[in-house]
Amino acid sequence: VGGSDARIGRCWAKDNTSEIELSDDRGCSLQTTGNVWGSFKSENSGAEGRVFYNDIKAWAFPTSNKVNILCNLHLCA
């Protein structure tokens, strides 16, 4: 990501049977009740990198003890 700008877009969580939207395409949280999913923060990580992170409250789907969280990363030249 070094030398370009980037932002987090849509994020969602899923297991084998369920899916929930966490943020919209602009990266804005859709799960604000109970502080489940907050806003992303970013920090430079050396000369060539950036780290995006989010403070989340632990939760699980009722159908599984495994949760996959996926996010779209938008790179700008």
PDB file of N, CA and C in Angstrom:
ATOM      1  N   VAL A   1       0.827  -1.191   0.000  1.00  0.00           N
ATOM      2  CA  VAL A   1       0.000   0.000   0.000  1.00  0.00           C
ATOM      3  C   VAL A   1       0.865   1.245   0.000  1.00  0.00           C
ATOM      4  N   GLY A   2       2.169   1.077   0.140  1.00  0.00           N
ATOM      5  CA  GLY A   2       3.034   2.239   0.170  1.00  0.00           C
ATOM      6  C   GLY A   2       2.937   3.054  -1.106  1.00  0.00           C
ATOM      7  N   GLY A   3       2.942   4.380  -0.996  1.00  0.00           N
ATOM      8  CA  GLY A   3       2.892   5.241  -2.150  1.00  0.00           C
ATOM      9  C   GLY A   3       1.494   5.479  -2.687  1.00  0.00           C
ATOM     10  N   SER A   4       0.501   4.879  -2.096  1.00  0.00           N
ATOM     11  CA  SER A   4      -0.878   5.105  -2.530  1.00  0.00           C
ATOM     12  C   SER A   4      -1.767   5.243  -1.313  1.00  0.00           C
ATOM     13  N   ASP A   5      -2.967   5.712  -1.552  1.00  0.00           N
ATOM     14  CA  ASP A   5      -3.927   5.861  -0.482  1.00  0.00           C
ATOM     15  C   ASP A   5      -4.849   4.647  -0.497  1.00  0.00           C
ATOM     16  N   ALA A   6      -5.392   4.305   0.646  1.00  0.00           N
ATOM     17  CA  ALA A   6      -6.279   3.149   0.732  1.00  0.00           C
ATOM     18  C   ALA A   6      -7.327   3.401   1.801  1.00  0.00           C
ATOM     19  N   ARG A   7      -8.436   2.662   1.681  1.00  0.00           N
ATOM     20  CA  ARG A   7      -9.472   2.723   2.702  1.00  0.00           C
ATOM     21  C   ARG A   7     -10.207   1.394   2.736  1.00  0.00           C
ATOM     22  N   ILE A   8     -10.821   1.122   3.860  1.00  0.00           N
ATOM     23  CA  ILE A   8     -11.647  -0.063   4.008  1.00  0.00           C
ATOM     24  C   ILE A   8     -13.051   0.267   3.533  1.00  0.00           C
ATOM     25  N   GLY A   9     -13.656  -0.648   2.810  1.00  0.00           N
ATOM     26  CA  GLY A   9     -15.034  -0.482   2.348  1.00  0.00           C
ATOM     27  C   GLY A   9     -15.967  -1.427   3.076  1.00  0.00           C
ATOM     28  N   ARG A  10     -16.755  -2.144   2.319  1.00  0.00           N
ATOM     29  CA  ARG A  10     -17.749  -3.057   2.875  1.00  0.00           C
ATOM     30  C   ARG A  10     -17.076  -4.178   3.653  1.00  0.00           C
ATOM     31  N   CYS A  11     -17.615  -4.465   4.836  1.00  0.00           N
ATOM     32  CA  CYS A  11     -17.186  -5.612   5.629  1.00  0.00           C
ATOM     33  C   CYS A  11     -18.409  -6.437   5.992  1.00  0.00           C
ATOM     34  N   TRP A  12     -18.234  -7.733   6.081  1.00  0.00           N
ATOM     35  CA  TRP A  12     -19.314  -8.618   6.461  1.00  0.00           C
ATOM     36  C   TRP A  12     -18.729  -9.809   7.206  1.00  0.00           C
ATOM     37  N   ALA A  13     -19.570 -10.462   7.966  1.00  0.00           N
ATOM     38  CA  ALA A  13     -19.170 -11.652   8.707  1.00  0.00           C
ATOM     39  C   ALA A  13     -20.091 -12.787   8.298  1.00  0.00           C
ATOM     40  N   LYS A  14     -19.545 -14.002   8.264  1.00  0.00           N
ATOM     41  CA  LYS A  14     -20.374 -15.137   7.882  1.00  0.00           C
ATOM     42  C   LYS A  14     -19.846 -16.416   8.498  1.00  0.00           C
ATOM     43  N   ASP A  15     -20.751 -17.366   8.617  1.00  0.00           N
ATOM     44  CA  ASP A  15     -20.380 -18.731   8.941  1.00  0.00           C
ATOM     45  C   ASP A  15     -20.917 -19.595   7.799  1.00  0.00           C
ATOM     46  N   ASN A  16     -21.165 -20.862   8.034  1.00  0.00           N
ATOM     47  CA  ASN A  16     -21.631 -21.731   6.945  1.00  0.00           C
ATOM     48  C   ASN A  16     -23.066 -21.456   6.518  1.00  0.00           C
ATOM     49  N   THR A  17     -23.864 -20.817   7.387  1.00  0.00           N
ATOM     50  CA  THR A  17     -25.279 -20.633   7.059  1.00  0.00           C
ATOM     51  C   THR A  17     -25.773 -19.198   7.177  1.00  0.00           C
ATOM     52  N   SER A  18     -25.052 -18.329   7.852  1.00  0.00           N
ATOM     53  CA  SER A  18     -25.532 -16.970   8.108  1.00  0.00           C
ATOM     54  C   SER A  18     -24.529 -15.938   7.627  1.00  0.00           C
ATOM     55  N   GLU A  19     -25.036 -14.727   7.382  1.00  0.00           N
ATOM     56  CA  GLU A  19     -24.172 -13.608   7.000  1.00  0.00           C
ATOM     57  C   GLU A  19     -24.765 -12.323   7.569  1.00  0.00           C
ATOM     58  N   ILE A  20     -23.894 -11.410   8.025  1.00  0.00           N
ATOM     59  CA  ILE A  20     -24.343 -10.129   8.555  1.00  0.00           C
ATOM     60  C   ILE A  20     -23.451  -9.024   8.003  1.00  0.00           C
ATOM     61  N   GLU A  21     -24.049  -7.925   7.601  1.00  0.00           N
ATOM     62  CA  GLU A  21     -23.302  -6.770   7.104  1.00  0.00           C
ATOM     63  C   GLU A  21     -22.739  -5.995   8.295  1.00  0.00           C
ATOM     64  N   LEU A  22     -21.454  -5.680   8.254  1.00  0.00           N
ATOM     65  CA  LEU A  22     -20.813  -4.930   9.334  1.00  0.00           C
ATOM     66  C   LEU A  22     -20.590  -3.471   8.964  1.00  0.00           C
ATOM     67  N   SER A  23     -20.211  -3.213   7.706  1.00  0.00           N
ATOM     68  CA  SER A  23     -20.021  -1.828   7.259  1.00  0.00           C
ATOM     69  C   SER A  23     -20.433  -1.715   5.798  1.00  0.00           C
ATOM     70  N   ASP A  24     -20.766  -0.487   5.399  1.00  0.00           N
ATOM     71  CA  ASP A  24     -21.179  -0.253   4.016  1.00  0.00           C
ATOM     72  C   ASP A  24     -19.954  -0.032   3.128  1.00  0.00           C
ATOM     73  N   ASP A  25     -20.170   0.284   1.865  1.00  0.00           N
ATOM     74  CA  ASP A  25     -19.064   0.430   0.914  1.00  0.00           C
ATOM     75  C   ASP A  25     -18.147   1.601   1.252  1.00  0.00           C
ATOM     76  N   ARG A  26     -18.628   2.535   2.047  1.00  0.00           N
ATOM     77  CA  ARG A  26     -17.787   3.656   2.490  1.00  0.00           C
ATOM     78  C   ARG A  26     -17.018   3.316   3.762  1.00  0.00           C
ATOM     79  N   GLY A  27     -17.232   2.116   4.324  1.00  0.00           N
ATOM     80  CA  GLY A  27     -16.563   1.720   5.555  1.00  0.00           C
ATOM     81  C   GLY A  27     -17.286   2.171   6.804  1.00  0.00           C
ATOM     82  N   CYS A  28     -18.491   2.715   6.657  1.00  0.00           N
ATOM     83  CA  CYS A  28     -19.262   3.194   7.812  1.00  0.00           C
ATOM     84  C   CYS A  28     -19.961   2.020   8.488  1.00  0.00           C
ATOM     85  N   SER A  29     -19.845   1.955   9.800  1.00  0.00           N
ATOM     86  CA  SER A  29     -20.419   0.855  10.557  1.00  0.00           C
ATOM     87  C   SER A  29     -21.927   0.780  10.392  1.00  0.00           C
ATOM     88  N   LEU A  30     -22.422  -0.434  10.212  1.00  0.00           N
ATOM     89  CA  LEU A  30     -23.856  -0.699  10.172  1.00  0.00           C
ATOM     90  C   LEU A  30     -24.322  -1.366  11.460  1.00  0.00           C
ATOM     91  N   GLN A  31     -23.384  -1.664  12.355  1.00  0.00           N
ATOM     92  CA  GLN A  31     -23.694  -2.359  13.609  1.00  0.00           C
ATOM     93  C   GLN A  31     -23.256  -1.501  14.787  1.00  0.00           C
ATOM     94  N   THR A  32     -23.927  -0.400  14.998  1.00  0.00           N
ATOM     95  CA  THR A  32     -23.516   0.542  16.044  1.00  0.00           C
ATOM     96  C   THR A  32     -24.111   0.215  17.408  1.00  0.00           C
ATOM     97  N   THR A  33     -25.201  -0.534  17.458  1.00  0.00           N
ATOM     98  CA  THR A  33     -25.812  -0.891  18.734  1.00  0.00           C
ATOM     99  C   THR A  33     -24.907  -1.855  19.484  1.00  0.00           C
ATOM    100  N   GLY A  34     -24.580  -1.538  20.720  1.00  0.00           N
ATOM    101  CA  GLY A  34     -23.746  -2.410  21.537  1.00  0.00           C
ATOM    102  C   GLY A  34     -22.278  -2.389  21.187  1.00  0.00           C
ATOM    103  N   ASN A  35     -21.840  -1.424  20.386  1.00  0.00           N
ATOM    104  CA  ASN A  35     -20.426  -1.318  19.994  1.00  0.00           C
ATOM    105  C   ASN A  35     -19.888  -2.603  19.375  1.00  0.00           C
ATOM    106  N   VAL A  36     -20.720  -3.282  18.593  1.00  0.00           N
ATOM    107  CA  VAL A  36     -20.293  -4.527  17.953  1.00  0.00           C
ATOM    108  C   VAL A  36     -19.202  -4.268  16.925  1.00  0.00           C
ATOM    109  N   TRP A  37     -19.365  -3.224  16.125  1.00  0.00           N
ATOM    110  CA  TRP A  37     -18.419  -2.936  15.039  1.00  0.00           C
ATOM    111  C   TRP A  37     -18.237  -1.432  14.961  1.00  0.00           C
ATOM    112  N   GLY A  38     -17.029  -0.952  15.209  1.00  0.00           N
ATOM    113  CA  GLY A  38     -16.774   0.486  15.220  1.00  0.00           C
ATOM    114  C   GLY A  38     -16.231   0.983  13.893  1.00  0.00           C
ATOM    115  N   SER A  39     -15.628   2.133  13.929  1.00  0.00           N
ATOM    116  CA  SER A  39     -15.008   2.725  12.744  1.00  0.00           C
ATOM    117  C   SER A  39     -13.560   2.263  12.643  1.00  0.00           C
ATOM    118  N   PHE A  40     -13.085   2.079  11.411  1.00  0.00           N
ATOM    119  CA  PHE A  40     -11.700   1.673  11.215  1.00  0.00           C
ATOM    120  C   PHE A  40     -10.748   2.818  11.505  1.00  0.00           C
ATOM    121  N   LYS A  41      -9.600   2.465  12.036  1.00  0.00           N
ATOM    122  CA  LYS A  41      -8.499   3.395  12.241  1.00  0.00           C
ATOM    123  C   LYS A  41      -7.330   2.848  11.429  1.00  0.00           C
ATOM    124  N   SER A  42      -6.386   3.710  11.085  1.00  0.00           N
ATOM    125  CA  SER A  42      -5.216   3.222  10.359  1.00  0.00           C
ATOM    126  C   SER A  42      -3.961   3.888  10.895  1.00  0.00           C
ATOM    127  N   GLU A  43      -2.870   3.163  10.757  1.00  0.00           N
ATOM    128  CA  GLU A  43      -1.549   3.657  11.155  1.00  0.00           C
ATOM    129  C   GLU A  43      -0.552   3.256  10.087  1.00  0.00           C
ATOM    130  N   ASN A  44       0.430   4.102   9.855  1.00  0.00           N
ATOM    131  CA  ASN A  44       1.521   3.726   8.966  1.00  0.00           C
ATOM    132  C   ASN A  44       2.338   2.643   9.638  1.00  0.00           C
ATOM    133  N   SER A  45       2.790   1.700   8.832  1.00  0.00           N
ATOM    134  CA  SER A  45       3.568   0.576   9.340  1.00  0.00           C
ATOM    135  C   SER A  45       4.856   0.495   8.536  1.00  0.00           C
ATOM    136  N   GLY A  46       5.816   1.304   8.884  1.00  0.00           N
ATOM    137  CA  GLY A  46       7.056   1.349   8.133  1.00  0.00           C
ATOM    138  C   GLY A  46       6.891   2.172   6.866  1.00  0.00           C
ATOM    139  N   ALA A  47       7.916   2.165   6.035  1.00  0.00           N
ATOM    140  CA  ALA A  47       7.935   3.006   4.839  1.00  0.00           C
ATOM    141  C   ALA A  47       6.951   2.532   3.771  1.00  0.00           C
ATOM    142  N   GLU A  48       6.603   1.272   3.769  1.00  0.00           N
ATOM    143  CA  GLU A  48       5.806   0.723   2.670  1.00  0.00           C
ATOM    144  C   GLU A  48       4.467   0.141   3.090  1.00  0.00           C
ATOM    145  N   GLY A  49       3.998   0.420   4.284  1.00  0.00           N
ATOM    146  CA  GLY A  49       2.763  -0.243   4.674  1.00  0.00           C
ATOM    147  C   GLY A  49       1.843   0.587   5.538  1.00  0.00           C
ATOM    148  N   ARG A  50       0.642   0.097   5.662  1.00  0.00           N
ATOM    149  CA  ARG A  50      -0.367   0.709   6.519  1.00  0.00           C
ATOM    150  C   ARG A  50      -1.170  -0.415   7.160  1.00  0.00           C
ATOM    151  N   VAL A  51      -1.517  -0.243   8.415  1.00  0.00           N
ATOM    152  CA  VAL A  51      -2.322  -1.217   9.144  1.00  0.00           C
ATOM    153  C   VAL A  51      -3.683  -0.598   9.417  1.00  0.00           C
ATOM    154  N   PHE A  52      -4.747  -1.321   9.078  1.00  0.00           N
ATOM    155  CA  PHE A  52      -6.107  -0.918   9.410  1.00  0.00           C
ATOM    156  C   PHE A  52      -6.576  -1.795  10.558  1.00  0.00           C
ATOM    157  N   TYR A  53      -7.247  -1.200  11.538  1.00  0.00           N
ATOM    158  CA  TYR A  53      -7.752  -1.995  12.655  1.00  0.00           C
ATOM    159  C   TYR A  53      -9.074  -1.445  13.149  1.00  0.00           C
ATOM    160  N   ASN A  54      -9.796  -2.293  13.861  1.00  0.00           N
ATOM    161  CA  ASN A  54     -11.126  -1.954  14.348  1.00  0.00           C
ATOM    162  C   ASN A  54     -11.313  -2.611  15.705  1.00  0.00           C
ATOM    163  N   ASP A  55     -11.841  -1.877  16.649  1.00  0.00           N
ATOM    164  CA  ASP A  55     -12.175  -2.448  17.950  1.00  0.00           C
ATOM    165  C   ASP A  55     -13.565  -3.059  17.845  1.00  0.00           C
ATOM    166  N   ILE A  56     -13.658  -4.357  18.119  1.00  0.00           N
ATOM    167  CA  ILE A  56     -14.949  -5.030  18.024  1.00  0.00           C
ATOM    168  C   ILE A  56     -15.271  -5.728  19.336  1.00  0.00           C
ATOM    169  N   LYS A  57     -16.548  -5.933  19.561  1.00  0.00           N
ATOM    170  CA  LYS A  57     -17.009  -6.711  20.703  1.00  0.00           C
ATOM    171  C   LYS A  57     -17.177  -8.148  20.219  1.00  0.00           C
ATOM    172  N   ALA A  58     -16.669  -9.088  21.008  1.00  0.00           N
ATOM    173  CA  ALA A  58     -16.749 -10.496  20.608  1.00  0.00           C
ATOM    174  C   ALA A  58     -18.204 -10.952  20.529  1.00  0.00           C
ATOM    175  N   TRP A  59     -18.518 -11.739  19.520  1.00  0.00           N
ATOM    176  CA  TRP A  59     -19.847 -12.296  19.326  1.00  0.00           C
ATOM    177  C   TRP A  59     -19.720 -13.512  18.425  1.00  0.00           C
ATOM    178  N   ALA A  60     -20.768 -14.261  18.301  1.00  0.00           N
ATOM    179  CA  ALA A  60     -20.770 -15.449  17.450  1.00  0.00           C
ATOM    180  C   ALA A  60     -22.156 -15.634  16.856  1.00  0.00           C
ATOM    181  N   PHE A  61     -22.213 -16.400  15.787  1.00  0.00           N
ATOM    182  CA  PHE A  61     -23.494 -16.777  15.211  1.00  0.00           C
ATOM    183  C   PHE A  61     -24.084 -17.906  16.055  1.00  0.00           C
ATOM    184  N   PRO A  62     -25.391 -17.970  16.183  1.00  0.00           N
ATOM    185  CA  PRO A  62     -25.989 -19.053  16.970  1.00  0.00           C
ATOM    186  C   PRO A  62     -25.844 -20.420  16.305  1.00  0.00           C
ATOM    187  N   THR A  63     -25.516 -20.443  15.020  1.00  0.00           N
ATOM    188  CA  THR A  63     -25.422 -21.702  14.281  1.00  0.00           C
ATOM    189  C   THR A  63     -24.012 -22.271  14.204  1.00  0.00           C
ATOM    190  N   SER A  64     -23.001 -21.519  14.689  1.00  0.00           N
ATOM    191  CA  SER A  64     -21.615 -21.973  14.553  1.00  0.00           C
ATOM    192  C   SER A  64     -20.718 -21.251  15.546  1.00  0.00           C
ATOM    193  N   ASN A  65     -19.621 -21.888  15.924  1.00  0.00           N
ATOM    194  CA  ASN A  65     -18.638 -21.208  16.768  1.00  0.00           C
ATOM    195  C   ASN A  65     -17.504 -20.613  15.931  1.00  0.00           C
ATOM    196  N   LYS A  66     -17.631 -20.656  14.608  1.00  0.00           N
ATOM    197  CA  LYS A  66     -16.644 -20.072  13.703  1.00  0.00           C
ATOM    198  C   LYS A  66     -17.251 -18.872  12.998  1.00  0.00           C
ATOM    199  N   VAL A  67     -16.496 -17.773  12.943  1.00  0.00           N
ATOM    200  CA  VAL A  67     -16.947 -16.564  12.258  1.00  0.00           C
ATOM    201  C   VAL A  67     -15.829 -16.091  11.339  1.00  0.00           C
ATOM    202  N   ASN A  68     -16.145 -15.888  10.074  1.00  0.00           N
ATOM    203  CA  ASN A  68     -15.201 -15.320   9.117  1.00  0.00           C
ATOM    204  C   ASN A  68     -15.580 -13.872   8.880  1.00  0.00           C
ATOM    205  N   ILE A  69     -14.626 -12.958   9.058  1.00  0.00           N
ATOM    206  CA  ILE A  69     -14.855 -11.541   8.806  1.00  0.00           C
ATOM    207  C   ILE A  69     -14.090 -11.162   7.547  1.00  0.00           C
ATOM    208  N   LEU A  70     -14.793 -10.580   6.580  1.00  0.00           N
ATOM    209  CA  LEU A  70     -14.194 -10.198   5.304  1.00  0.00           C
ATOM    210  C   LEU A  70     -14.440  -8.722   5.055  1.00  0.00           C
ATOM    211  N   CYS A  71     -13.466  -8.062   4.426  1.00  0.00           N
ATOM    212  CA  CYS A  71     -13.595  -6.642   4.102  1.00  0.00           C
ATOM    213  C   CYS A  71     -13.022  -6.373   2.718  1.00  0.00           C
ATOM    214  N   ASN A  72     -13.611  -5.423   2.030  1.00  0.00           N
ATOM    215  CA  ASN A  72     -13.064  -4.932   0.767  1.00  0.00           C
ATOM    216  C   ASN A  72     -12.071  -3.820   1.068  1.00  0.00           C
ATOM    217  N   LEU A  73     -10.933  -3.866   0.414  1.00  0.00           N
ATOM    218  CA  LEU A  73      -9.912  -2.833   0.536  1.00  0.00           C
ATOM    219  C   LEU A  73      -9.872  -2.060  -0.773  1.00  0.00           C
ATOM    220  N   HIS A  74     -10.067  -0.754  -0.701  1.00  0.00           N
ATOM    221  CA  HIS A  74     -10.037   0.105  -1.884  1.00  0.00           C
ATOM    222  C   HIS A  74      -8.682   0.804  -1.954  1.00  0.00           C
ATOM    223  N   LEU A  75      -7.974   0.612  -3.064  1.00  0.00           N
ATOM    224  CA  LEU A  75      -6.690   1.263  -3.286  1.00  0.00           C
ATOM    225  C   LEU A  75      -6.868   2.414  -4.262  1.00  0.00           C
ATOM    226  N   CYS A  76      -6.280   3.540  -3.935  1.00  0.00           N
ATOM    227  CA  CYS A  76      -6.359   4.726  -4.785  1.00  0.00           C
ATOM    228  C   CYS A  76      -4.954   5.051  -5.279  1.00  0.00           C
ATOM    229  N   ALA A  77      -4.817   5.277  -6.570  1.00  0.00           N
ATOM    230  CA  ALA A  77      -3.498   5.567  -7.143  1.00  0.00           C
ATOM    231  C   ALA A  77      -3.101   6.998  -6.874  1.00  0.00           C
TER     232      ALA A  77
END
